[in-house]
Amino acid sequence: MEAERTGQDVYDVIVEKASLEPVNVYILPHFVGSGTPTLSSKSKGAILGLTLDTTKQDVSRAILDSNNYDLRLNMDKLQEAGIPLEEIRAIGGGAKSERWLQLRADVLGKRVCTLKVSEAASLGAAILAGVSINNFDSPQEGAGHWVKINKIFEPDMKRHSQYMERYQNYLKIYPALKKLIL
């Protein structure tokens, strides 16, 4: 609502309202079921750690952190499967907020890069079209030609270690609530 009223990007509105420091409020963002790795259409969201002193800014921050913790969980699963990740490429709406991208780098402990082209679906379609008309021998060649880094966000490893403590708490939420929210 506020984003529409002010003409701002919705992610910028959330980030601007978020507390600057990590908070002890946790959100299990399963408001329309859960994505990977749990993949449950029956899972429900939860907000934990609320007190009478909890502010809107704290909840906004918990929204951002939970998104990053879920990404971290998926990143960990990929690495457990032997798929190394050197950096994260951010695209779409979430790639517009520099503060959120820095938070993401800090939580993940990985470099986060934005691309000069933010709409990856369109770019992917163009690359595949280029392969189909023999402009490129492969999608990899097309990506090498068109995918360019715009900005790099390096993780602050001191903050990363603080987030990892909170991430360990986050990992306990779904298993602890699973029987209640399914």
N, C-alpha and C. Protein backbone atom coordinates (compact mmCIF):
# COMPACT_ATOMS: atom_id res chain seq x y z
N MET A 1 0.82 -1.18 0.00
CA MET A 1 0.00 0.00 0.00
C MET A 1 0.87 1.26 0.00
N GLU A 2 1.82 1.30 0.95
CA GLU A 2 2.68 2.49 1.02
C GLU A 2 3.53 2.62 -0.23
N ALA A 3 4.00 1.48 -0.76
CA ALA A 3 4.82 1.51 -1.97
C ALA A 3 4.02 2.11 -3.13
N GLU A 4 2.76 1.71 -3.26
CA GLU A 4 1.91 2.26 -4.32
C GLU A 4 1.68 3.75 -4.11
N ARG A 5 1.43 4.12 -2.85
CA ARG A 5 1.12 5.52 -2.54
C ARG A 5 2.31 6.42 -2.81
N THR A 6 3.52 5.95 -2.47
CA THR A 6 4.72 6.79 -2.61
C THR A 6 5.45 6.58 -3.93
N GLY A 7 5.07 5.53 -4.67
CA GLY A 7 5.76 5.24 -5.92
C GLY A 7 7.10 4.56 -5.71
N GLN A 8 7.36 4.08 -4.49
CA GLN A 8 8.62 3.40 -4.20
C GLN A 8 8.50 1.91 -4.51
N ASP A 9 9.64 1.28 -4.68
CA ASP A 9 9.69 -0.16 -4.80
C ASP A 9 9.32 -0.76 -3.45
N VAL A 10 8.52 -1.83 -3.45
CA VAL A 10 8.05 -2.42 -2.19
C VAL A 10 9.23 -2.90 -1.33
N TYR A 11 10.29 -3.39 -1.96
CA TYR A 11 11.45 -3.85 -1.19
C TYR A 11 12.13 -2.69 -0.48
N ASP A 12 12.19 -1.55 -1.14
CA ASP A 12 12.80 -0.38 -0.51
C ASP A 12 11.99 0.07 0.71
N VAL A 13 10.67 -0.01 0.61
CA VAL A 13 9.83 0.38 1.74
C VAL A 13 10.10 -0.54 2.93
N ILE A 14 10.15 -1.84 2.69
CA ILE A 14 10.42 -2.80 3.76
C ILE A 14 11.79 -2.56 4.37
N VAL A 15 12.80 -2.41 3.52
CA VAL A 15 14.16 -2.23 4.01
C VAL A 15 14.31 -0.93 4.78
N GLU A 16 13.71 0.14 4.29
CA GLU A 16 13.80 1.42 4.99
C GLU A 16 13.18 1.35 6.38
N LYS A 17 12.15 0.55 6.54
CA LYS A 17 11.46 0.45 7.83
C LYS A 17 12.13 -0.56 8.77
N ALA A 18 13.05 -1.33 8.25
CA ALA A 18 13.66 -2.38 9.05
C ALA A 18 14.64 -1.82 10.07
N SER A 19 14.70 -2.49 11.20
CA SER A 19 15.69 -2.16 12.22
C SER A 19 17.08 -2.31 11.61
N LEU A 20 18.00 -1.46 12.02
CA LEU A 20 19.36 -1.53 11.47
C LEU A 20 20.12 -2.74 12.00
N GLU A 21 19.82 -3.16 13.20
CA GLU A 21 20.52 -4.27 13.83
C GLU A 21 19.67 -5.53 13.78
N PRO A 22 20.31 -6.70 13.79
CA PRO A 22 19.56 -7.95 13.86
C PRO A 22 18.68 -7.96 15.11
N VAL A 23 17.55 -8.63 15.03
CA VAL A 23 16.59 -8.66 16.13
C VAL A 23 16.35 -10.10 16.58
N ASN A 24 15.76 -10.25 17.74
CA ASN A 24 15.43 -11.57 18.26
C ASN A 24 13.99 -11.95 17.96
N VAL A 25 13.51 -11.51 16.82
CA VAL A 25 12.21 -11.92 16.30
C VAL A 25 12.51 -12.80 15.10
N TYR A 26 11.82 -13.93 15.03
CA TYR A 26 12.03 -14.86 13.93
C TYR A 26 10.72 -15.07 13.20
N ILE A 27 10.82 -15.16 11.90
CA ILE A 27 9.64 -15.44 11.08
C ILE A 27 9.90 -16.70 10.28
N LEU A 28 8.95 -17.61 10.34
CA LEU A 28 8.95 -18.77 9.46
C LEU A 28 8.05 -18.36 8.29
N PRO A 29 8.64 -18.03 7.14
CA PRO A 29 7.87 -17.39 6.06
C PRO A 29 7.08 -18.36 5.18
N HIS A 30 6.31 -19.22 5.82
CA HIS A 30 5.53 -20.22 5.09
C HIS A 30 4.07 -19.78 4.99
N PHE A 31 3.83 -18.55 4.57
CA PHE A 31 2.48 -18.01 4.54
C PHE A 31 1.64 -18.53 3.38
N VAL A 32 2.29 -19.12 2.39
CA VAL A 32 1.59 -19.80 1.29
C VAL A 32 2.21 -21.19 1.10
N GLY A 33 2.46 -21.87 2.21
CA GLY A 33 3.18 -23.13 2.18
C GLY A 33 4.67 -22.85 2.20
N SER A 34 5.45 -23.90 2.10
CA SER A 34 6.90 -23.72 2.14
C SER A 34 7.53 -24.09 0.81
N GLY A 35 8.62 -23.43 0.51
CA GLY A 35 9.39 -23.75 -0.68
C GLY A 35 10.45 -24.78 -0.35
N THR A 36 11.50 -24.79 -1.15
CA THR A 36 12.59 -25.72 -0.90
C THR A 36 13.28 -25.34 0.40
N PRO A 37 13.81 -26.28 1.12
CA PRO A 37 13.86 -27.71 0.83
C PRO A 37 12.70 -28.51 1.42
N THR A 38 11.79 -27.89 2.18
CA THR A 38 10.71 -28.67 2.82
C THR A 38 9.54 -28.96 1.88
N LEU A 39 9.23 -28.06 0.97
CA LEU A 39 8.18 -28.25 -0.04
C LEU A 39 6.89 -28.82 0.53
N SER A 40 6.24 -28.04 1.37
CA SER A 40 4.97 -28.47 1.94
C SER A 40 3.91 -27.40 1.68
N SER A 41 2.90 -27.77 0.93
CA SER A 41 1.81 -26.82 0.68
C SER A 41 0.96 -26.61 1.92
N LYS A 42 1.10 -27.48 2.91
CA LYS A 42 0.30 -27.38 4.14
C LYS A 42 1.00 -26.59 5.25
N SER A 43 2.28 -26.33 5.10
CA SER A 43 3.02 -25.62 6.14
C SER A 43 2.45 -24.21 6.32
N LYS A 44 2.51 -23.73 7.54
CA LYS A 44 1.99 -22.40 7.87
C LYS A 44 3.12 -21.52 8.38
N GLY A 45 2.96 -20.23 8.22
CA GLY A 45 3.94 -19.28 8.71
C GLY A 45 3.81 -19.08 10.21
N ALA A 46 4.85 -18.51 10.79
CA ALA A 46 4.85 -18.23 12.23
C ALA A 46 5.76 -17.04 12.50
N ILE A 47 5.40 -16.29 13.51
CA ILE A 47 6.25 -15.20 13.99
C ILE A 47 6.53 -15.51 15.45
N LEU A 48 7.81 -15.58 15.80
CA LEU A 48 8.21 -15.92 17.16
C LEU A 48 9.08 -14.83 17.76
N GLY A 49 9.02 -14.71 19.06
CA GLY A 49 9.87 -13.76 19.77
C GLY A 49 9.24 -12.40 19.98
N LEU A 50 7.94 -12.28 19.74
CA LEU A 50 7.27 -10.99 19.92
C LEU A 50 7.13 -10.67 21.40
N THR A 51 7.34 -9.42 21.74
CA THR A 51 7.10 -8.90 23.08
C THR A 51 6.32 -7.60 22.94
N LEU A 52 5.94 -7.01 24.05
CA LEU A 52 5.26 -5.72 24.00
C LEU A 52 6.18 -4.62 23.48
N ASP A 53 7.49 -4.88 23.51
CA ASP A 53 8.46 -3.90 23.02
C ASP A 53 8.80 -4.08 21.54
N THR A 54 8.31 -5.14 20.91
CA THR A 54 8.61 -5.38 19.50
C THR A 54 7.98 -4.28 18.65
N THR A 55 8.77 -3.76 17.72
CA THR A 55 8.31 -2.67 16.86
C THR A 55 8.04 -3.18 15.44
N LYS A 56 7.39 -2.35 14.64
CA LYS A 56 7.20 -2.67 13.23
C LYS A 56 8.55 -2.84 12.54
N GLN A 57 9.52 -2.03 12.97
CA GLN A 57 10.86 -2.11 12.39
C GLN A 57 11.49 -3.47 12.68
N ASP A 58 11.24 -4.00 13.88
CA ASP A 58 11.77 -5.32 14.23
C ASP A 58 11.15 -6.40 13.34
N VAL A 59 9.85 -6.31 13.12
CA VAL A 59 9.17 -7.30 12.27
C VAL A 59 9.64 -7.16 10.83
N SER A 60 9.81 -5.93 10.36
CA SER A 60 10.34 -5.72 9.00
C SER A 60 11.71 -6.36 8.87
N ARG A 61 12.54 -6.18 9.87
CA ARG A 61 13.89 -6.77 9.84
C ARG A 61 13.80 -8.29 9.86
N ALA A 62 12.89 -8.84 10.66
CA ALA A 62 12.73 -10.29 10.73
C ALA A 62 12.28 -10.86 9.38
N ILE A 63 11.47 -10.10 8.65
CA ILE A 63 11.05 -10.53 7.30
C ILE A 63 12.28 -10.66 6.40
N LEU A 64 13.13 -9.65 6.42
CA LEU A 64 14.34 -9.69 5.59
C LEU A 64 15.25 -10.83 6.01
N ASP A 65 15.46 -10.95 7.32
CA ASP A 65 16.36 -11.99 7.82
C ASP A 65 15.83 -13.38 7.48
N SER A 66 14.52 -13.61 7.62
CA SER A 66 13.98 -14.94 7.34
C SER A 66 14.16 -15.30 5.87
N ASN A 67 14.00 -14.33 5.00
CA ASN A 67 14.23 -14.57 3.58
C ASN A 67 15.68 -14.99 3.34
N ASN A 68 16.59 -14.28 3.99
CA ASN A 68 18.01 -14.61 3.85
C ASN A 68 18.36 -15.95 4.49
N TYR A 69 17.74 -16.26 5.64
CA TYR A 69 17.99 -17.55 6.28
C TYR A 69 17.49 -18.70 5.41
N ASP A 70 16.34 -18.53 4.76
CA ASP A 70 15.85 -19.57 3.86
C ASP A 70 16.79 -19.75 2.68
N LEU A 71 17.31 -18.65 2.15
CA LEU A 71 18.28 -18.75 1.07
C LEU A 71 19.54 -19.47 1.56
N ARG A 72 19.97 -19.15 2.78
CA ARG A 72 21.14 -19.81 3.37
C ARG A 72 20.89 -21.31 3.51
N LEU A 73 19.69 -21.69 3.95
CA LEU A 73 19.35 -23.10 4.09
C LEU A 73 19.46 -23.81 2.75
N ASN A 74 18.95 -23.22 1.70
CA ASN A 74 19.05 -23.82 0.37
C ASN A 74 20.49 -23.86 -0.12
N MET A 75 21.25 -22.81 0.18
CA MET A 75 22.66 -22.79 -0.19
C MET A 75 23.41 -23.92 0.51
N ASP A 76 23.11 -24.13 1.78
CA ASP A 76 23.75 -25.22 2.53
C ASP A 76 23.41 -26.57 1.92
N LYS A 77 22.15 -26.76 1.51
CA LYS A 77 21.73 -28.02 0.90
C LYS A 77 22.47 -28.26 -0.42
N LEU A 78 22.64 -27.22 -1.21
CA LEU A 78 23.40 -27.36 -2.46
C LEU A 78 24.84 -27.74 -2.18
N GLN A 79 25.45 -27.10 -1.19
CA GLN A 79 26.84 -27.41 -0.87
C GLN A 79 26.98 -28.83 -0.32
N GLU A 80 25.99 -29.29 0.47
CA GLU A 80 26.00 -30.67 0.96
C GLU A 80 25.92 -31.65 -0.20
N ALA A 81 25.27 -31.26 -1.29
CA ALA A 81 25.14 -32.11 -2.47
C ALA A 81 26.36 -32.00 -3.39
N GLY A 82 27.38 -31.27 -2.94
CA GLY A 82 28.61 -31.15 -3.72
C GLY A 82 28.60 -30.05 -4.76
N ILE A 83 27.66 -29.12 -4.64
CA ILE A 83 27.59 -28.01 -5.59
C ILE A 83 28.14 -26.76 -4.91
N PRO A 84 29.38 -26.40 -5.22
CA PRO A 84 29.98 -25.24 -4.55
C PRO A 84 29.41 -23.93 -5.07
N LEU A 85 29.25 -22.97 -4.19
CA LEU A 85 28.77 -21.65 -4.57
C LEU A 85 29.82 -20.62 -4.17
N GLU A 86 30.37 -19.97 -5.16
CA GLU A 86 31.38 -18.95 -4.89
C GLU A 86 30.74 -17.59 -4.63
N GLU A 87 29.64 -17.34 -5.34
CA GLU A 87 28.96 -16.06 -5.19
C GLU A 87 27.49 -16.24 -5.53
N ILE A 88 26.70 -15.26 -5.16
CA ILE A 88 25.27 -15.26 -5.42
C ILE A 88 24.98 -14.14 -6.41
N ARG A 89 24.16 -14.43 -7.41
CA ARG A 89 23.74 -13.41 -8.37
C ARG A 89 22.31 -13.00 -8.02
N ALA A 90 22.11 -11.73 -7.77
CA ALA A 90 20.80 -11.20 -7.39
C ALA A 90 20.13 -10.59 -8.61
N ILE A 91 18.85 -10.94 -8.81
CA ILE A 91 18.09 -10.43 -9.95
C ILE A 91 16.69 -10.03 -9.49
N GLY A 92 15.98 -9.32 -10.32
CA GLY A 92 14.60 -8.97 -10.04
C GLY A 92 14.45 -7.88 -9.00
N GLY A 93 13.25 -7.82 -8.41
CA GLY A 93 12.93 -6.76 -7.46
C GLY A 93 13.84 -6.68 -6.26
N GLY A 94 14.19 -7.82 -5.69
CA GLY A 94 15.05 -7.84 -4.52
C GLY A 94 16.45 -7.33 -4.79
N ALA A 95 16.85 -7.27 -6.04
CA ALA A 95 18.19 -6.80 -6.39
C ALA A 95 18.27 -5.29 -6.46
N LYS A 96 17.16 -4.61 -6.21
CA LYS A 96 17.14 -3.15 -6.31
C LYS A 96 17.56 -2.46 -5.02
N SER A 97 17.55 -3.17 -3.91
CA SER A 97 17.85 -2.56 -2.62
C SER A 97 19.27 -2.90 -2.18
N GLU A 98 20.13 -1.90 -2.18
CA GLU A 98 21.52 -2.13 -1.79
C GLU A 98 21.64 -2.57 -0.34
N ARG A 99 20.81 -2.04 0.53
CA ARG A 99 20.88 -2.43 1.94
C ARG A 99 20.51 -3.90 2.12
N TRP A 100 19.48 -4.34 1.42
CA TRP A 100 19.08 -5.74 1.51
C TRP A 100 20.17 -6.65 0.93
N LEU A 101 20.79 -6.23 -0.16
CA LEU A 101 21.85 -7.03 -0.77
C LEU A 101 23.05 -7.15 0.16
N GLN A 102 23.36 -6.07 0.89
CA GLN A 102 24.46 -6.15 1.85
C GLN A 102 24.08 -7.09 3.00
N LEU A 103 22.84 -7.01 3.47
CA LEU A 103 22.38 -7.95 4.49
C LEU A 103 22.51 -9.38 3.99
N ARG A 104 22.11 -9.60 2.75
CA ARG A 104 22.18 -10.94 2.17
C ARG A 104 23.63 -11.43 2.14
N ALA A 105 24.55 -10.59 1.71
CA ALA A 105 25.96 -10.98 1.69
C ALA A 105 26.45 -11.31 3.09
N ASP A 106 26.04 -10.50 4.07
CA ASP A 106 26.47 -10.73 5.45
C ASP A 106 25.92 -12.04 5.99
N VAL A 107 24.65 -12.33 5.74
CA VAL A 107 24.05 -13.57 6.23
C VAL A 107 24.66 -14.78 5.54
N LEU A 108 24.80 -14.72 4.23
CA LEU A 108 25.29 -15.86 3.47
C LEU A 108 26.80 -16.06 3.59
N GLY A 109 27.51 -15.00 3.93
CA GLY A 109 28.96 -15.11 3.98
C GLY A 109 29.57 -15.27 2.59
N LYS A 110 28.82 -14.83 1.59
CA LYS A 110 29.25 -14.93 0.19
C LYS A 110 29.09 -13.58 -0.49
N ARG A 111 29.89 -13.38 -1.51
CA ARG A 111 29.76 -12.18 -2.34
C ARG A 111 28.41 -12.24 -3.06
N VAL A 112 27.71 -11.12 -3.08
CA VAL A 112 26.44 -11.01 -3.80
C VAL A 112 26.64 -9.99 -4.92
N CYS A 113 26.29 -10.39 -6.13
CA CYS A 113 26.49 -9.53 -7.30
C CYS A 113 25.16 -9.22 -7.96
N THR A 114 24.99 -7.97 -8.36
CA THR A 114 23.86 -7.62 -9.20
C THR A 114 24.35 -7.63 -10.65
N LEU A 115 23.41 -7.80 -11.54
CA LEU A 115 23.74 -7.84 -12.97
C LEU A 115 23.30 -6.55 -13.64
N LYS A 116 23.94 -6.26 -14.77
CA LYS A 116 23.56 -5.06 -15.52
C LYS A 116 22.16 -5.21 -16.10
N VAL A 117 21.72 -6.43 -16.34
CA VAL A 117 20.35 -6.70 -16.77
C VAL A 117 19.65 -7.37 -15.59
N SER A 118 18.61 -6.73 -15.09
CA SER A 118 17.97 -7.28 -13.88
C SER A 118 16.86 -8.28 -14.18
N GLU A 119 16.34 -8.32 -15.37
CA GLU A 119 15.26 -9.25 -15.71
C GLU A 119 15.83 -10.51 -16.34
N ALA A 120 16.11 -11.49 -15.51
CA ALA A 120 16.80 -12.69 -15.94
C ALA A 120 15.98 -13.55 -16.90
N ALA A 121 14.67 -13.60 -16.71
CA ALA A 121 13.85 -14.43 -17.60
C ALA A 121 13.95 -13.94 -19.04
N SER A 122 13.87 -12.64 -19.22
CA SER A 122 13.98 -12.07 -20.58
C SER A 122 15.37 -12.31 -21.14
N LEU A 123 16.38 -12.13 -20.31
CA LEU A 123 17.75 -12.35 -20.77
C LEU A 123 17.96 -13.82 -21.14
N GLY A 124 17.44 -14.73 -20.31
CA GLY A 124 17.57 -16.16 -20.61
C GLY A 124 16.90 -16.52 -21.92
N ALA A 125 15.72 -15.94 -22.15
CA ALA A 125 15.01 -16.19 -23.41
C ALA A 125 15.82 -15.67 -24.60
N ALA A 126 16.42 -14.50 -24.44
CA ALA A 126 17.23 -13.92 -25.52
C ALA A 126 18.46 -14.79 -25.79
N ILE A 127 19.07 -15.29 -24.73
CA ILE A 127 20.25 -16.16 -24.90
C ILE A 127 19.85 -17.44 -25.64
N LEU A 128 18.74 -18.05 -25.23
CA LEU A 128 18.29 -19.27 -25.90
C LEU A 128 17.91 -19.01 -27.35
N ALA A 129 17.32 -17.85 -27.61
CA ALA A 129 17.02 -17.48 -29.00
C ALA A 129 18.31 -17.34 -29.79
N GLY A 130 19.33 -16.75 -29.18
CA GLY A 130 20.63 -16.62 -29.84
C GLY A 130 21.25 -17.96 -30.16
N VAL A 131 21.08 -18.94 -29.27
CA VAL A 131 21.58 -20.29 -29.53
C VAL A 131 20.79 -20.92 -30.68
N SER A 132 19.47 -20.72 -30.68
CA SER A 132 18.63 -21.37 -31.71
C SER A 132 18.92 -20.85 -33.11
N ILE A 133 19.40 -19.61 -33.24
CA ILE A 133 19.72 -19.09 -34.58
C ILE A 133 21.23 -19.09 -34.82
N ASN A 134 21.94 -19.86 -33.98
CA ASN A 134 23.38 -20.08 -34.13
C ASN A 134 24.24 -18.84 -33.91
N ASN A 135 23.74 -17.86 -33.17
CA ASN A 135 24.61 -16.74 -32.77
C ASN A 135 25.58 -17.19 -31.69
N PHE A 136 25.17 -18.20 -30.91
CA PHE A 136 26.02 -18.77 -29.86
C PHE A 136 25.99 -20.28 -30.01
N ASP A 137 27.11 -20.92 -29.67
CA ASP A 137 27.17 -22.38 -29.73
C ASP A 137 26.46 -23.03 -28.55
N SER A 138 26.33 -22.30 -27.44
CA SER A 138 25.71 -22.87 -26.24
C SER A 138 25.12 -21.76 -25.38
N PRO A 139 24.23 -22.13 -24.46
CA PRO A 139 23.73 -21.12 -23.52
C PRO A 139 24.86 -20.51 -22.68
N GLN A 140 25.86 -21.33 -22.36
CA GLN A 140 26.99 -20.82 -21.57
C GLN A 140 27.74 -19.72 -22.33
N GLU A 141 27.92 -19.92 -23.63
CA GLU A 141 28.58 -18.90 -24.43
C GLU A 141 27.75 -17.62 -24.46
N GLY A 142 26.44 -17.77 -24.64
CA GLY A 142 25.55 -16.60 -24.65
C GLY A 142 25.58 -15.87 -23.32
N ALA A 143 25.55 -16.63 -22.23
CA ALA A 143 25.60 -16.01 -20.91
C ALA A 143 26.93 -15.29 -20.71
N GLY A 144 28.01 -15.91 -21.17
CA GLY A 144 29.32 -15.26 -21.06
C GLY A 144 29.38 -13.95 -21.82
N HIS A 145 28.63 -13.87 -22.89
CA HIS A 145 28.61 -12.67 -23.72
C HIS A 145 27.72 -11.58 -23.11
N TRP A 146 26.57 -11.96 -22.57
CA TRP A 146 25.58 -10.97 -22.15
C TRP A 146 25.47 -10.74 -20.64
N VAL A 147 25.82 -11.71 -19.84
CA VAL A 147 25.65 -11.55 -18.38
C VAL A 147 26.87 -10.82 -17.83
N LYS A 148 26.66 -9.60 -17.37
CA LYS A 148 27.74 -8.75 -16.86
C LYS A 148 27.40 -8.30 -15.44
N ILE A 149 28.42 -8.30 -14.60
CA ILE A 149 28.25 -7.87 -13.21
C ILE A 149 28.10 -6.35 -13.16
N ASN A 150 27.16 -5.89 -12.38
CA ASN A 150 26.94 -4.46 -12.19
C ASN A 150 27.60 -3.98 -10.90
N LYS A 151 27.27 -4.62 -9.78
CA LYS A 151 27.79 -4.19 -8.48
C LYS A 151 28.03 -5.42 -7.62
N ILE A 152 29.06 -5.35 -6.77
CA ILE A 152 29.43 -6.46 -5.90
C ILE A 152 29.29 -6.02 -4.45
N PHE A 153 28.66 -6.89 -3.64
CA PHE A 153 28.51 -6.67 -2.20
C PHE A 153 29.31 -7.75 -1.49
N GLU A 154 30.37 -7.35 -0.82
CA GLU A 154 31.22 -8.29 -0.09
C GLU A 154 30.67 -8.48 1.32
N PRO A 155 30.72 -9.71 1.84
CA PRO A 155 30.20 -9.93 3.19
C PRO A 155 31.12 -9.34 4.26
N ASP A 156 30.51 -8.83 5.30
CA ASP A 156 31.23 -8.42 6.51
C ASP A 156 31.26 -9.67 7.39
N MET A 157 32.43 -10.29 7.53
CA MET A 157 32.52 -11.58 8.20
C MET A 157 32.24 -11.48 9.70
N LYS A 158 32.44 -10.31 10.30
CA LYS A 158 32.08 -10.15 11.71
C LYS A 158 30.56 -10.24 11.86
N ARG A 159 29.85 -9.54 11.00
CA ARG A 159 28.39 -9.62 11.02
C ARG A 159 27.92 -11.03 10.65
N HIS A 160 28.63 -11.65 9.71
CA HIS A 160 28.27 -13.01 9.29
C HIS A 160 28.27 -13.96 10.48
N SER A 161 29.28 -13.88 11.34
CA SER A 161 29.32 -14.78 12.49
C SER A 161 28.16 -14.51 13.44
N GLN A 162 27.75 -13.25 13.58
CA GLN A 162 26.58 -12.93 14.40
C GLN A 162 25.31 -13.53 13.79
N TYR A 163 25.19 -13.43 12.48
CA TYR A 163 24.02 -13.99 11.82
C TYR A 163 23.99 -15.51 11.91
N MET A 164 25.15 -16.14 11.90
CA MET A 164 25.18 -17.59 11.96
C MET A 164 24.63 -18.10 13.29
N GLU A 165 24.83 -17.33 14.37
CA GLU A 165 24.22 -17.70 15.66
C GLU A 165 22.70 -17.66 15.53
N ARG A 166 22.17 -16.62 14.91
CA ARG A 166 20.72 -16.50 14.73
C ARG A 166 20.21 -17.55 13.74
N TYR A 167 21.00 -17.83 12.73
CA TYR A 167 20.61 -18.84 11.74
C TYR A 167 20.46 -20.21 12.40
N GLN A 168 21.34 -20.54 13.34
CA GLN A 168 21.23 -21.81 14.05
C GLN A 168 19.90 -21.88 14.81
N ASN A 169 19.47 -20.77 15.38
CA ASN A 169 18.15 -20.73 16.03
C ASN A 169 17.04 -20.90 15.00
N TYR A 170 17.18 -20.23 13.87
CA TYR A 170 16.18 -20.31 12.80
C TYR A 170 15.99 -21.76 12.33
N LEU A 171 17.08 -22.50 12.23
CA LEU A 171 17.01 -23.88 11.76
C LEU A 171 16.16 -24.76 12.68
N LYS A 172 16.01 -24.38 13.93
CA LYS A 172 15.25 -25.17 14.90
C LYS A 172 13.74 -24.91 14.82
N ILE A 173 13.34 -23.83 14.19
CA ILE A 173 11.93 -23.42 14.22
C ILE A 173 11.02 -24.41 13.49
N TYR A 174 11.31 -24.72 12.24
CA TYR A 174 10.41 -25.60 11.47
C TYR A 174 10.28 -26.98 12.12
N PRO A 175 11.39 -27.63 12.48
CA PRO A 175 11.23 -28.94 13.13
C PRO A 175 10.43 -28.85 14.44
N ALA A 176 10.63 -27.78 15.20
CA ALA A 176 9.92 -27.64 16.47
C ALA A 176 8.43 -27.40 16.28
N LEU A 177 8.05 -26.71 15.22
CA LEU A 177 6.65 -26.35 14.99
C LEU A 177 5.93 -27.25 13.99
N LYS A 178 6.66 -28.13 13.35
CA LYS A 178 6.11 -28.90 12.22
C LYS A 178 4.76 -29.55 12.54
N LYS A 179 4.64 -30.20 13.68
CA LYS A 179 3.39 -30.88 14.01
C LYS A 179 2.25 -29.90 14.25
N LEU A 180 2.58 -28.69 14.66
CA LEU A 180 1.55 -27.69 14.94
C LEU A 180 1.07 -26.97 13.69
N ILE A 181 1.94 -26.85 12.69
CA ILE A 181 1.62 -26.00 11.54
C ILE A 181 1.30 -26.77 10.26
N LEU A 182 1.28 -28.07 10.33
CA LEU A 182 0.93 -28.86 9.14
C LEU A 182 -0.49 -29.37 9.24
